């Protein structure tokens, strides 16, 4: 089904369109979650090639690749959108989770706090991203190693 979607997207918008990259990214996620990592990597690389290095959607592809890619994702979004843009919140949250997994609690807390701060004045209190960021921040507050 996804391959048929890819073919349709290529015919409709062209092989170098961001819609095609999005389908490639989904194919990459499918490979990742089904244990076909070589296939996933090929689809991710194709998505990155289509988008080019400075396209804001590259950050979404990079978000899937761990700490180094999450850092690059954040840098791309900051360059393209600005350091205080609310779209950074999910990237900050994901990077915070990666830092937390590495027992880098103080850095994780800083990232969760920055995500919360970027959203608090823009969205309702029950916004799902804000709620997730707050929950992660609260879970870390007061733990040893958080400053």
Protein backbone atom coordinates (compact mmCIF):
# COMPACT_ATOMS: atom_id res chain seq x y z
CA UNK A 1 0.00 0.00 0.00
CA UNK A 2 2.75 2.49 0.93
CA UNK A 3 4.72 1.68 -2.22
CA UNK A 4 1.60 2.40 -4.27
CA UNK A 5 1.25 5.70 -2.38
CA UNK A 6 4.88 6.51 -3.17
CA UNK A 7 4.38 5.81 -6.88
CA UNK A 8 1.26 7.97 -6.96
CA UNK A 9 3.02 10.82 -5.16
CA UNK A 10 5.98 10.64 -7.55
CA UNK A 11 3.67 10.80 -10.56
CA UNK A 12 1.51 13.56 -9.10
CA UNK A 13 4.03 15.98 -7.58
CA UNK A 14 7.35 14.71 -8.94
CA UNK A 15 10.11 12.57 -7.44
CA UNK A 16 11.83 15.46 -5.60
CA UNK A 17 8.77 16.88 -3.81
CA UNK A 18 8.48 17.07 -0.02
CA UNK A 19 5.34 14.89 -0.20
CA UNK A 20 7.48 12.10 -1.67
CA UNK A 21 10.03 12.59 1.10
CA UNK A 22 7.25 12.26 3.66
CA UNK A 23 6.17 8.90 2.19
CA UNK A 24 9.83 7.78 2.19
CA UNK A 25 10.05 8.74 5.85
CA UNK A 26 6.95 6.66 6.66
CA UNK A 27 8.48 3.74 4.75
CA UNK A 28 11.62 4.23 6.85
CA UNK A 29 9.59 4.15 10.07
CA UNK A 30 7.83 1.01 8.88
CA UNK A 31 11.20 -0.65 8.28
CA UNK A 32 12.48 0.51 11.67
CA UNK A 33 9.52 -0.86 13.58
CA UNK A 34 9.50 -4.16 11.73
CA UNK A 35 13.22 -4.77 12.29
CA UNK A 36 14.28 -4.16 8.67
CA UNK A 37 16.89 -1.58 9.62
CA UNK A 38 18.89 -1.57 6.37
CA UNK A 39 15.70 -0.93 4.43
CA UNK A 40 14.67 1.77 6.91
CA UNK A 41 18.01 3.52 6.54
CA UNK A 42 17.70 3.53 2.75
CA UNK A 43 14.25 5.15 2.94
CA UNK A 44 15.45 7.72 5.49
CA UNK A 45 18.45 8.58 3.32
CA UNK A 46 16.18 9.04 0.30
CA UNK A 47 13.90 11.35 2.30
CA UNK A 48 16.91 13.39 3.44
CA UNK A 49 18.27 13.57 -0.12
CA UNK A 50 14.94 14.82 -1.47
CA UNK A 51 14.56 17.49 1.20
CA UNK A 52 18.13 18.76 1.17
CA UNK A 53 20.13 19.70 4.26
CA UNK A 54 18.34 22.93 5.24
CA UNK A 55 14.68 22.05 4.77
CA UNK A 56 12.77 22.28 8.10
CA UNK A 57 11.22 18.84 7.56
CA UNK A 58 14.72 17.32 7.70
CA UNK A 59 14.45 17.80 11.43
CA UNK A 60 11.57 15.31 11.56
CA UNK A 61 13.62 12.68 9.77
CA UNK A 62 16.63 13.35 12.00
CA UNK A 63 14.47 13.05 15.10
CA UNK A 64 14.33 9.31 14.53
CA UNK A 65 18.07 8.73 14.74
CA UNK A 66 19.13 9.21 18.36
CA UNK A 67 21.03 11.88 20.24
CA UNK A 68 23.31 13.15 17.46
CA UNK A 69 20.44 13.42 15.03
CA UNK A 70 18.18 15.01 17.64
CA UNK A 71 20.84 17.68 18.25
CA UNK A 72 21.05 18.32 14.50
CA UNK A 73 17.26 18.39 14.33
CA UNK A 74 17.14 21.07 17.00
CA UNK A 75 19.86 23.12 15.30
CA UNK A 76 18.03 23.00 11.96
CA UNK A 77 14.73 24.05 13.48
CA UNK A 78 16.38 26.86 15.46
CA UNK A 79 18.07 28.15 12.31
CA UNK A 80 14.93 27.97 10.19
CA UNK A 81 12.22 28.88 12.71
CA UNK A 82 14.07 30.82 15.40
CA UNK A 83 15.18 29.83 18.88
CA UNK A 84 11.82 30.55 20.56
CA UNK A 85 9.44 29.04 18.01
CA UNK A 86 6.79 26.74 19.55
CA UNK A 87 7.46 24.00 16.98
CA UNK A 88 10.75 23.40 18.79
CA UNK A 89 8.90 22.06 21.84
CA UNK A 90 8.52 18.48 20.61
CA UNK A 91 12.14 18.36 19.46
CA UNK A 92 13.26 19.72 22.85
CA UNK A 93 11.07 17.13 24.57
CA UNK A 94 12.51 14.28 22.48
CA UNK A 95 16.06 15.45 23.09
CA UNK A 96 15.25 15.67 26.80
CA UNK A 97 14.04 12.07 26.78
CA UNK A 98 17.25 10.96 25.08
CA UNK A 99 19.30 12.86 27.68
CA UNK A 100 17.24 11.29 30.46
CA UNK A 101 17.91 7.81 29.05
CA UNK A 102 21.63 8.62 29.27
CA UNK A 103 21.23 9.69 32.92
CA UNK A 104 21.96 13.31 32.01
CA UNK A 105 19.18 14.54 34.26
CA UNK A 106 20.19 18.20 34.59
CA UNK A 107 20.37 18.62 30.81
CA UNK A 108 17.08 16.73 30.35
CA UNK A 109 15.39 18.98 32.92
CA UNK A 110 16.74 22.08 31.16
CA UNK A 111 15.35 20.87 27.83
CA UNK A 112 11.92 19.96 29.26
CA UNK A 113 11.75 23.36 30.98
CA UNK A 114 12.63 25.17 27.77
CA UNK A 115 9.91 23.21 25.92
CA UNK A 116 7.31 24.11 28.56
CA UNK A 117 8.35 27.76 28.54
CA UNK A 118 8.07 27.96 24.76
CA UNK A 119 4.49 26.67 24.81
CA UNK A 120 2.92 27.98 28.03
CA UNK A 121 1.91 31.37 26.64
CA UNK A 122 0.74 30.01 23.27
CA UNK A 123 -1.45 26.95 23.88
CA UNK A 124 -4.18 25.86 26.28
CA UNK A 125 -3.13 24.16 29.52
CA UNK A 126 -4.44 20.80 28.31
CA UNK A 127 -2.51 20.86 25.01
CA UNK A 128 -1.02 17.34 24.57
CA UNK A 129 2.53 18.48 23.81
CA UNK A 130 2.55 20.92 26.72
CA UNK A 131 1.12 18.23 29.00
CA UNK A 132 3.80 15.72 27.95
CA UNK A 133 6.62 18.22 28.43
CA UNK A 134 5.29 19.21 31.86
CA UNK A 135 4.95 15.56 32.91
CA UNK A 136 8.53 14.80 31.89
CA UNK A 137 9.80 17.90 33.71
CA UNK A 138 7.83 17.08 36.85
CA UNK A 139 9.12 13.49 36.89
CA UNK A 140 12.71 14.79 36.98
CA UNK A 141 12.34 17.72 39.37
CA UNK A 142 13.95 17.06 42.72
CA UNK A 143 15.78 13.91 41.62
CA UNK A 144 19.52 13.65 42.31
CA UNK A 145 21.60 15.01 39.48
CA UNK A 146 19.12 17.64 38.34
CA UNK A 147 21.01 20.58 39.76
